[in-house]
Amino acid sequence: MKITTCKCDMEGCDNLASSGMFQVIFTTDQTEGRSTNPYLSREEIDMCPECELRVLRGDAIWGYGAQGHNVFKFREKK
């Protein structure tokens, strides 16, 4: 029997998570990874309850990368 644990995809978070669809603001082209004007995309992300609560409170998810190798994070508030 194989047991799989799912960790949160948000940068710096290692909590256990479940998958869901979330709106992400990407800053790179998803084909070649070049910088581009920000655009929205719905992505399946493994997210823990704590990070999901941040989204529900208004924090946007920012992403960069290419071809499925993406980094997701919250921008730090100044």
PDB file of N, CA and C in Angstrom:
ATOM      1  N   MET A   1       0.848  -1.173   0.000  1.00  0.00           N
ATOM      2  CA  MET A   1       0.000   0.000   0.000  1.00  0.00           C
ATOM      3  C   MET A   1       0.894   1.237   0.000  1.00  0.00           C
ATOM      4  N   LYS A   2       0.532   2.198  -0.843  1.00  0.00           N
ATOM      5  CA  LYS A   2       1.289   3.435  -0.950  1.00  0.00           C
ATOM      6  C   LYS A   2       0.485   4.557  -0.315  1.00  0.00           C
ATOM      7  N   ILE A   3       1.110   5.302   0.600  1.00  0.00           N
ATOM      8  CA  ILE A   3       0.463   6.442   1.235  1.00  0.00           C
ATOM      9  C   ILE A   3       1.100   7.708   0.691  1.00  0.00           C
ATOM     10  N   THR A   4       0.270   8.618   0.202  1.00  0.00           N
ATOM     11  CA  THR A   4       0.757   9.872  -0.357  1.00  0.00           C
ATOM     12  C   THR A   4       0.314  11.024   0.527  1.00  0.00           C
ATOM     13  N   THR A   5       1.253  11.893   0.879  1.00  0.00           N
ATOM     14  CA  THR A   5       0.893  13.097   1.605  1.00  0.00           C
ATOM     15  C   THR A   5       1.004  14.282   0.660  1.00  0.00           C
ATOM     16  N   CYS A   6       0.111  15.207   0.802  1.00  0.00           N
ATOM     17  CA  CYS A   6       0.050  16.370  -0.074  1.00  0.00           C
ATOM     18  C   CYS A   6       0.401  17.608   0.747  1.00  0.00           C
ATOM     19  N   LYS A   7       1.438  18.328   0.320  1.00  0.00           N
ATOM     20  CA  LYS A   7       1.866  19.536   1.026  1.00  0.00           C
ATOM     21  C   LYS A   7       1.427  20.770   0.260  1.00  0.00           C
ATOM     22  N   CYS A   8       1.270  21.861   0.971  1.00  0.00           N
ATOM     23  CA  CYS A   8       0.836  23.133   0.406  1.00  0.00           C
ATOM     24  C   CYS A   8       1.832  23.611  -0.650  1.00  0.00           C
ATOM     25  N   ASP A   9       1.311  24.083  -1.802  1.00  0.00           N
ATOM     26  CA  ASP A   9       2.148  24.583  -2.892  1.00  0.00           C
ATOM     27  C   ASP A   9       2.624  26.021  -2.689  1.00  0.00           C
ATOM     28  N   MET A  10       2.115  26.698  -1.670  1.00  0.00           N
ATOM     29  CA  MET A  10       2.508  28.090  -1.460  1.00  0.00           C
ATOM     30  C   MET A  10       3.951  28.142  -0.942  1.00  0.00           C
ATOM     31  N   GLU A  11       4.722  29.052  -1.521  1.00  0.00           N
ATOM     32  CA  GLU A  11       6.138  29.182  -1.175  1.00  0.00           C
ATOM     33  C   GLU A  11       6.299  29.377   0.334  1.00  0.00           C
ATOM     34  N   GLY A  12       7.176  28.586   0.928  1.00  0.00           N
ATOM     35  CA  GLY A  12       7.482  28.694   2.359  1.00  0.00           C
ATOM     36  C   GLY A  12       6.515  27.976   3.275  1.00  0.00           C
ATOM     37  N   CYS A  13       5.539  27.272   2.748  1.00  0.00           N
ATOM     38  CA  CYS A  13       4.559  26.565   3.571  1.00  0.00           C
ATOM     39  C   CYS A  13       4.688  25.063   3.347  1.00  0.00           C
ATOM     40  N   ASP A  14       4.792  24.310   4.433  1.00  0.00           N
ATOM     41  CA  ASP A  14       4.906  22.856   4.337  1.00  0.00           C
ATOM     42  C   ASP A  14       3.744  22.131   5.009  1.00  0.00           C
ATOM     43  N   ASN A  15       2.642  22.837   5.237  1.00  0.00           N
ATOM     44  CA  ASN A  15       1.482  22.221   5.885  1.00  0.00           C
ATOM     45  C   ASN A  15       0.811  21.214   4.952  1.00  0.00           C
ATOM     46  N   LEU A  16       0.083  20.273   5.538  1.00  0.00           N
ATOM     47  CA  LEU A  16      -0.708  19.332   4.751  1.00  0.00           C
ATOM     48  C   LEU A  16      -1.813  20.089   4.039  1.00  0.00           C
ATOM     49  N   ALA A  17      -2.145  19.651   2.825  1.00  0.00           N
ATOM     50  CA  ALA A  17      -3.067  20.413   1.993  1.00  0.00           C
ATOM     51  C   ALA A  17      -3.988  19.505   1.200  1.00  0.00           C
ATOM     52  N   SER A  18      -4.991  20.135   0.600  1.00  0.00           N
ATOM     53  CA  SER A  18      -5.860  19.454  -0.363  1.00  0.00           C
ATOM     54  C   SER A  18      -5.932  20.315  -1.619  1.00  0.00           C
ATOM     55  N   SER A  19      -6.310  19.700  -2.725  1.00  0.00           N
ATOM     56  CA  SER A  19      -6.325  20.400  -4.011  1.00  0.00           C
ATOM     57  C   SER A  19      -7.581  21.239  -4.188  1.00  0.00           C
ATOM     58  N   GLY A  20      -7.425  22.318  -4.916  1.00  0.00           N
ATOM     59  CA  GLY A  20      -8.552  23.178  -5.249  1.00  0.00           C
ATOM     60  C   GLY A  20      -8.182  24.081  -6.414  1.00  0.00           C
ATOM     61  N   MET A  21      -9.193  24.693  -7.013  1.00  0.00           N
ATOM     62  CA  MET A  21      -8.970  25.636  -8.111  1.00  0.00           C
ATOM     63  C   MET A  21      -8.931  27.048  -7.538  1.00  0.00           C
ATOM     64  N   PHE A  22      -7.873  27.784  -7.898  1.00  0.00           N
ATOM     65  CA  PHE A  22      -7.695  29.139  -7.392  1.00  0.00           C
ATOM     66  C   PHE A  22      -7.293  30.073  -8.515  1.00  0.00           C
ATOM     67  N   GLN A  23      -7.678  31.344  -8.384  1.00  0.00           N
ATOM     68  CA  GLN A  23      -7.290  32.385  -9.323  1.00  0.00           C
ATOM     69  C   GLN A  23      -5.864  32.823  -8.981  1.00  0.00           C
ATOM     70  N   VAL A  24      -4.989  32.842  -9.991  1.00  0.00           N
ATOM     71  CA  VAL A  24      -3.583  33.209  -9.797  1.00  0.00           C
ATOM     72  C   VAL A  24      -3.244  34.367 -10.731  1.00  0.00           C
ATOM     73  N   ILE A  25      -2.462  35.308 -10.228  1.00  0.00           N
ATOM     74  CA  ILE A  25      -1.944  36.389 -11.053  1.00  0.00           C
ATOM     75  C   ILE A  25      -0.540  35.967 -11.479  1.00  0.00           C
ATOM     76  N   PHE A  26      -0.367  35.649 -12.759  1.00  0.00           N
ATOM     77  CA  PHE A  26       0.943  35.238 -13.270  1.00  0.00           C
ATOM     78  C   PHE A  26       1.707  36.442 -13.804  1.00  0.00           C
ATOM     79  N   THR A  27       3.025  36.408 -13.627  1.00  0.00           N
ATOM     80  CA  THR A  27       3.897  37.475 -14.112  1.00  0.00           C
ATOM     81  C   THR A  27       4.874  36.963 -15.166  1.00  0.00           C
ATOM     82  N   THR A  28       4.706  35.692 -15.563  1.00  0.00           N
ATOM     83  CA  THR A  28       5.556  35.116 -16.610  1.00  0.00           C
ATOM     84  C   THR A  28       4.703  34.387 -17.638  1.00  0.00           C
ATOM     85  N   ASP A  29       5.204  34.332 -18.842  1.00  0.00           N
ATOM     86  CA  ASP A  29       4.595  33.570 -19.927  1.00  0.00           C
ATOM     87  C   ASP A  29       4.689  32.090 -19.559  1.00  0.00           C
ATOM     88  N   GLN A  30       3.609  31.343 -19.673  1.00  0.00           N
ATOM     89  CA  GLN A  30       3.608  29.938 -19.264  1.00  0.00           C
ATOM     90  C   GLN A  30       4.266  29.006 -20.269  1.00  0.00           C
ATOM     91  N   THR A  31       4.605  29.495 -21.453  1.00  0.00           N
ATOM     92  CA  THR A  31       5.270  28.659 -22.440  1.00  0.00           C
ATOM     93  C   THR A  31       6.782  28.677 -22.252  1.00  0.00           C
ATOM     94  N   GLU A  32       7.365  29.872 -22.172  1.00  0.00           N
ATOM     95  CA  GLU A  32       8.823  29.983 -22.089  1.00  0.00           C
ATOM     96  C   GLU A  32       9.323  30.621 -20.804  1.00  0.00           C
ATOM     97  N   GLY A  33       8.433  31.089 -19.941  1.00  0.00           N
ATOM     98  CA  GLY A  33       8.841  31.646 -18.662  1.00  0.00           C
ATOM     99  C   GLY A  33       9.349  33.072 -18.714  1.00  0.00           C
ATOM    100  N   ARG A  34       9.150  33.751 -19.837  1.00  0.00           N
ATOM    101  CA  ARG A  34       9.586  35.150 -19.943  1.00  0.00           C
ATOM    102  C   ARG A  34       8.646  36.058 -19.166  1.00  0.00           C
ATOM    103  N   SER A  35       9.195  37.142 -18.628  1.00  0.00           N
ATOM    104  CA  SER A  35       8.368  38.133 -17.941  1.00  0.00           C
ATOM    105  C   SER A  35       7.346  38.712 -18.903  1.00  0.00           C
ATOM    106  N   THR A  36       6.162  38.990 -18.381  1.00  0.00           N
ATOM    107  CA  THR A  36       5.076  39.542 -19.187  1.00  0.00           C
ATOM    108  C   THR A  36       4.208  40.416 -18.301  1.00  0.00           C
ATOM    109  N   ASN A  37       3.291  41.133 -18.901  1.00  0.00           N
ATOM    110  CA  ASN A  37       2.314  41.880 -18.112  1.00  0.00           C
ATOM    111  C   ASN A  37       1.502  40.883 -17.300  1.00  0.00           C
ATOM    112  N   PRO A  38       1.138  41.220 -16.077  1.00  0.00           N
ATOM    113  CA  PRO A  38       0.354  40.292 -15.247  1.00  0.00           C
ATOM    114  C   PRO A  38      -0.956  39.895 -15.926  1.00  0.00           C
ATOM    115  N   TYR A  39      -1.331  38.637 -15.751  1.00  0.00           N
ATOM    116  CA  TYR A  39      -2.604  38.138 -16.277  1.00  0.00           C
ATOM    117  C   TYR A  39      -3.168  37.104 -15.308  1.00  0.00           C
ATOM    118  N   LEU A  40      -4.475  36.870 -15.390  1.00  0.00           N
ATOM    119  CA  LEU A  40      -5.160  35.931 -14.503  1.00  0.00           C
ATOM    120  C   LEU A  40      -5.279  34.554 -15.134  1.00  0.00           C
ATOM    121  N   SER A  41      -5.196  33.528 -14.285  1.00  0.00           N
ATOM    122  CA  SER A  41      -5.376  32.151 -14.730  1.00  0.00           C
ATOM    123  C   SER A  41      -5.906  31.325 -13.565  1.00  0.00           C
ATOM    124  N   ARG A  42      -6.846  30.425 -13.850  1.00  0.00           N
ATOM    125  CA  ARG A  42      -7.328  29.491 -12.811  1.00  0.00           C
ATOM    126  C   ARG A  42      -6.416  28.275 -12.818  1.00  0.00           C
ATOM    127  N   GLU A  43      -5.902  27.918 -11.638  1.00  0.00           N
ATOM    128  CA  GLU A  43      -4.952  26.821 -11.514  1.00  0.00           C
ATOM    129  C   GLU A  43      -5.358  25.890 -10.391  1.00  0.00           C
ATOM    130  N   GLU A  44      -5.054  24.613 -10.564  1.00  0.00           N
ATOM    131  CA  GLU A  44      -5.252  23.651  -9.486  1.00  0.00           C
ATOM    132  C   GLU A  44      -4.029  23.719  -8.592  1.00  0.00           C
ATOM    133  N   ILE A  45      -4.247  24.060  -7.321  1.00  0.00           N
ATOM    134  CA  ILE A  45      -3.157  24.251  -6.362  1.00  0.00           C
ATOM    135  C   ILE A  45      -3.470  23.431  -5.121  1.00  0.00           C
ATOM    136  N   ASP A  46      -2.453  22.800  -4.556  1.00  0.00           N
ATOM    137  CA  ASP A  46      -2.581  22.141  -3.258  1.00  0.00           C
ATOM    138  C   ASP A  46      -2.385  23.230  -2.209  1.00  0.00           C
ATOM    139  N   MET A  47      -3.422  23.468  -1.384  1.00  0.00           N
ATOM    140  CA  MET A  47      -3.353  24.559  -0.430  1.00  0.00           C
ATOM    141  C   MET A  47      -3.866  24.128   0.935  1.00  0.00           C
ATOM    142  N   CYS A  48      -3.155  24.543   1.976  1.00  0.00           N
ATOM    143  CA  CYS A  48      -3.546  24.220   3.347  1.00  0.00           C
ATOM    144  C   CYS A  48      -4.659  25.177   3.803  1.00  0.00           C
ATOM    145  N   PRO A  49      -5.375  24.842   4.862  1.00  0.00           N
ATOM    146  CA  PRO A  49      -6.458  25.710   5.349  1.00  0.00           C
ATOM    147  C   PRO A  49      -5.981  27.113   5.734  1.00  0.00           C
ATOM    148  N   GLU A  50      -4.777  27.234   6.282  1.00  0.00           N
ATOM    149  CA  GLU A  50      -4.270  28.545   6.695  1.00  0.00           C
ATOM    150  C   GLU A  50      -4.055  29.460   5.493  1.00  0.00           C
ATOM    151  N   CYS A  51      -3.464  28.934   4.422  1.00  0.00           N
ATOM    152  CA  CYS A  51      -3.249  29.737   3.213  1.00  0.00           C
ATOM    153  C   CYS A  51      -4.571  30.040   2.522  1.00  0.00           C
ATOM    154  N   GLU A  52      -5.492  29.082   2.530  1.00  0.00           N
ATOM    155  CA  GLU A  52      -6.795  29.317   1.930  1.00  0.00           C
ATOM    156  C   GLU A  52      -7.526  30.439   2.668  1.00  0.00           C
ATOM    157  N   LEU A  53      -7.369  30.507   3.975  1.00  0.00           N
ATOM    158  CA  LEU A  53      -7.972  31.580   4.752  1.00  0.00           C
ATOM    159  C   LEU A  53      -7.400  32.937   4.335  1.00  0.00           C
ATOM    160  N   ARG A  54      -6.103  32.991   4.032  1.00  0.00           N
ATOM    161  CA  ARG A  54      -5.507  34.247   3.547  1.00  0.00           C
ATOM    162  C   ARG A  54      -6.150  34.680   2.235  1.00  0.00           C
ATOM    163  N   VAL A  55      -6.422  33.715   1.350  1.00  0.00           N
ATOM    164  CA  VAL A  55      -7.085  34.030   0.083  1.00  0.00           C
ATOM    165  C   VAL A  55      -8.489  34.567   0.359  1.00  0.00           C
ATOM    166  N   LEU A  56      -9.207  33.924   1.256  1.00  0.00           N
ATOM    167  CA  LEU A  56     -10.567  34.343   1.572  1.00  0.00           C
ATOM    168  C   LEU A  56     -10.605  35.724   2.221  1.00  0.00           C
ATOM    169  N   ARG A  57      -9.514  36.118   2.857  1.00  0.00           N
ATOM    170  CA  ARG A  57      -9.423  37.451   3.479  1.00  0.00           C
ATOM    171  C   ARG A  57      -8.904  38.512   2.502  1.00  0.00           C
ATOM    172  N   GLY A  58      -8.649  38.117   1.253  1.00  0.00           N
ATOM    173  CA  GLY A  58      -8.312  39.106   0.245  1.00  0.00           C
ATOM    174  C   GLY A  58      -6.893  39.091  -0.283  1.00  0.00           C
ATOM    175  N   ASP A  59      -6.021  38.217   0.201  1.00  0.00           N
ATOM    176  CA  ASP A  59      -4.653  38.146  -0.311  1.00  0.00           C
ATOM    177  C   ASP A  59      -4.637  37.422  -1.653  1.00  0.00           C
ATOM    178  N   ALA A  60      -4.021  38.032  -2.648  1.00  0.00           N
ATOM    179  CA  ALA A  60      -3.941  37.438  -3.982  1.00  0.00           C
ATOM    180  C   ALA A  60      -2.794  36.429  -4.047  1.00  0.00           C
ATOM    181  N   ILE A  61      -2.979  35.420  -4.889  1.00  0.00           N
ATOM    182  CA  ILE A  61      -1.926  34.437  -5.158  1.00  0.00           C
ATOM    183  C   ILE A  61      -1.181  34.901  -6.402  1.00  0.00           C
ATOM    184  N   TRP A  62       0.129  35.044  -6.295  1.00  0.00           N
ATOM    185  CA  TRP A  62       0.981  35.434  -7.414  1.00  0.00           C
ATOM    186  C   TRP A  62       1.769  34.214  -7.851  1.00  0.00           C
ATOM    187  N   GLY A  63       1.954  34.049  -9.150  1.00  0.00           N
ATOM    188  CA  GLY A  63       2.693  32.903  -9.665  1.00  0.00           C
ATOM    189  C   GLY A  63       3.676  33.291 -10.742  1.00  0.00           C
ATOM    190  N   TYR A  64       4.742  32.505 -10.825  1.00  0.00           N
ATOM    191  CA  TYR A  64       5.702  32.656 -11.914  1.00  0.00           C
ATOM    192  C   TYR A  64       6.308  31.301 -12.211  1.00  0.00           C
ATOM    193  N   GLY A  65       6.815  31.142 -13.413  1.00  0.00           N
ATOM    194  CA  GLY A  65       7.392  29.876 -13.851  1.00  0.00           C
ATOM    195  C   GLY A  65       6.920  29.571 -15.258  1.00  0.00           C
ATOM    196  N   ALA A  66       7.055  28.303 -15.656  1.00  0.00           N
ATOM    197  CA  ALA A  66       6.638  27.909 -17.001  1.00  0.00           C
ATOM    198  C   ALA A  66       6.395  26.410 -17.071  1.00  0.00           C
ATOM    199  N   GLN A  67       5.502  26.021 -17.948  1.00  0.00           N
ATOM    200  CA  GLN A  67       5.216  24.635 -18.295  1.00  0.00           C
ATOM    201  C   GLN A  67       4.980  23.738 -17.085  1.00  0.00           C
ATOM    202  N   GLY A  68       4.175  24.230 -16.159  1.00  0.00           N
ATOM    203  CA  GLY A  68       3.813  23.437 -14.996  1.00  0.00           C
ATOM    204  C   GLY A  68       4.804  23.473 -13.860  1.00  0.00           C
ATOM    205  N   HIS A  69       5.929  24.124 -14.021  1.00  0.00           N
ATOM    206  CA  HIS A  69       6.919  24.280 -12.955  1.00  0.00           C
ATOM    207  C   HIS A  69       6.796  25.702 -12.422  1.00  0.00           C
ATOM    208  N   ASN A  70       5.805  25.910 -11.577  1.00  0.00           N
ATOM    209  CA  ASN A  70       5.471  27.248 -11.101  1.00  0.00           C
ATOM    210  C   ASN A  70       5.724  27.397  -9.613  1.00  0.00           C
ATOM    211  N   VAL A  71       5.942  28.627  -9.209  1.00  0.00           N
ATOM    212  CA  VAL A  71       6.059  28.986  -7.800  1.00  0.00           C
ATOM    213  C   VAL A  71       4.857  29.870  -7.495  1.00  0.00           C
ATOM    214  N   PHE A  72       4.175  29.567  -6.392  1.00  0.00           N
ATOM    215  CA  PHE A  72       3.021  30.354  -5.960  1.00  0.00           C
ATOM    216  C   PHE A  72       3.353  30.991  -4.628  1.00  0.00           C
ATOM    217  N   LYS A  73       2.964  32.281  -4.471  1.00  0.00           N
ATOM    218  CA  LYS A  73       3.282  32.973  -3.221  1.00  0.00           C
ATOM    219  C   LYS A  73       2.298  34.101  -2.982  1.00  0.00           C
ATOM    220  N   PHE A  74       2.314  34.591  -1.754  1.00  0.00           N
ATOM    221  CA  PHE A  74       1.591  35.807  -1.378  1.00  0.00           C
ATOM    222  C   PHE A  74       2.625  36.924  -1.364  1.00  0.00           C
ATOM    223  N   ARG A  75       2.246  38.102  -1.829  1.00  0.00           N
ATOM    224  CA  ARG A  75       3.165  39.241  -1.736  1.00  0.00           C
ATOM    225  C   ARG A  75       3.144  39.742  -0.302  1.00  0.00           C
ATOM    226  N   GLU A  76       4.321  40.086   0.184  1.00  0.00           N
ATOM    227  CA  GLU A  76       4.419  40.624   1.538  1.00  0.00           C
ATOM    228  C   GLU A  76       3.864  42.037   1.571  1.00  0.00           C
ATOM    229  N   LYS A  77       3.108  42.326   2.605  1.00  0.00           N
ATOM    230  CA  LYS A  77       2.530  43.662   2.742  1.00  0.00           C
ATOM    231  C   LYS A  77       3.582  44.603   3.284  1.00  0.00           C
ATOM    232  N   LYS A  78       3.605  45.809   2.706  1.00  0.00           N
ATOM    233  CA  LYS A  78       4.588  46.809   3.145  1.00  0.00           C
ATOM    234  C   LYS A  78       4.025  47.702   4.204  1.00  0.00           C
TER     235      LYS A  78
END
